[in-house]
């Protein structure tokens, strides 16, 4: 495994609940995943893994922010904000992500950047929000 994937995997394994590790590792190695990384002194300190398409859940074409994490030693320094600001400059109209009910800090971060709750998913104990950001209003319906 190359140094890039090793470091991203290390940050992700520390940031995400073990139940999502298989999905995280799968997305990390998918050919259609776009990776954005934040570096400090040549060390990766944060990343976002982005996926194309929307066919799985009937959303507008755009980018899914499949995983976003900042090394715990660098949290609170505005890196998550900088990463989201960069992602929103990409030439897509729509961006969406899933955030767990158990992660209200992430939900607030996304809301500060214009993401809205599009749908509640799962149960209170094990679910979360499908959140989205659109440059132009989307008038479609969620299934």
Foldseek 3Di string as FASTA:
>chain_A
DDPVLVQALVQDVVVDDPVCSVVVVVLSPDPQWDKDFDDDPNHTFWIWTKHFDDVVWPDPTDIEREDIGGRPVCPPVCPSVVVVVVRVVPPGFKYKYWDQLVCVVVVVSVVVVPWDFPDWDDDNVTTTTIIMHGPDDDDDDTD
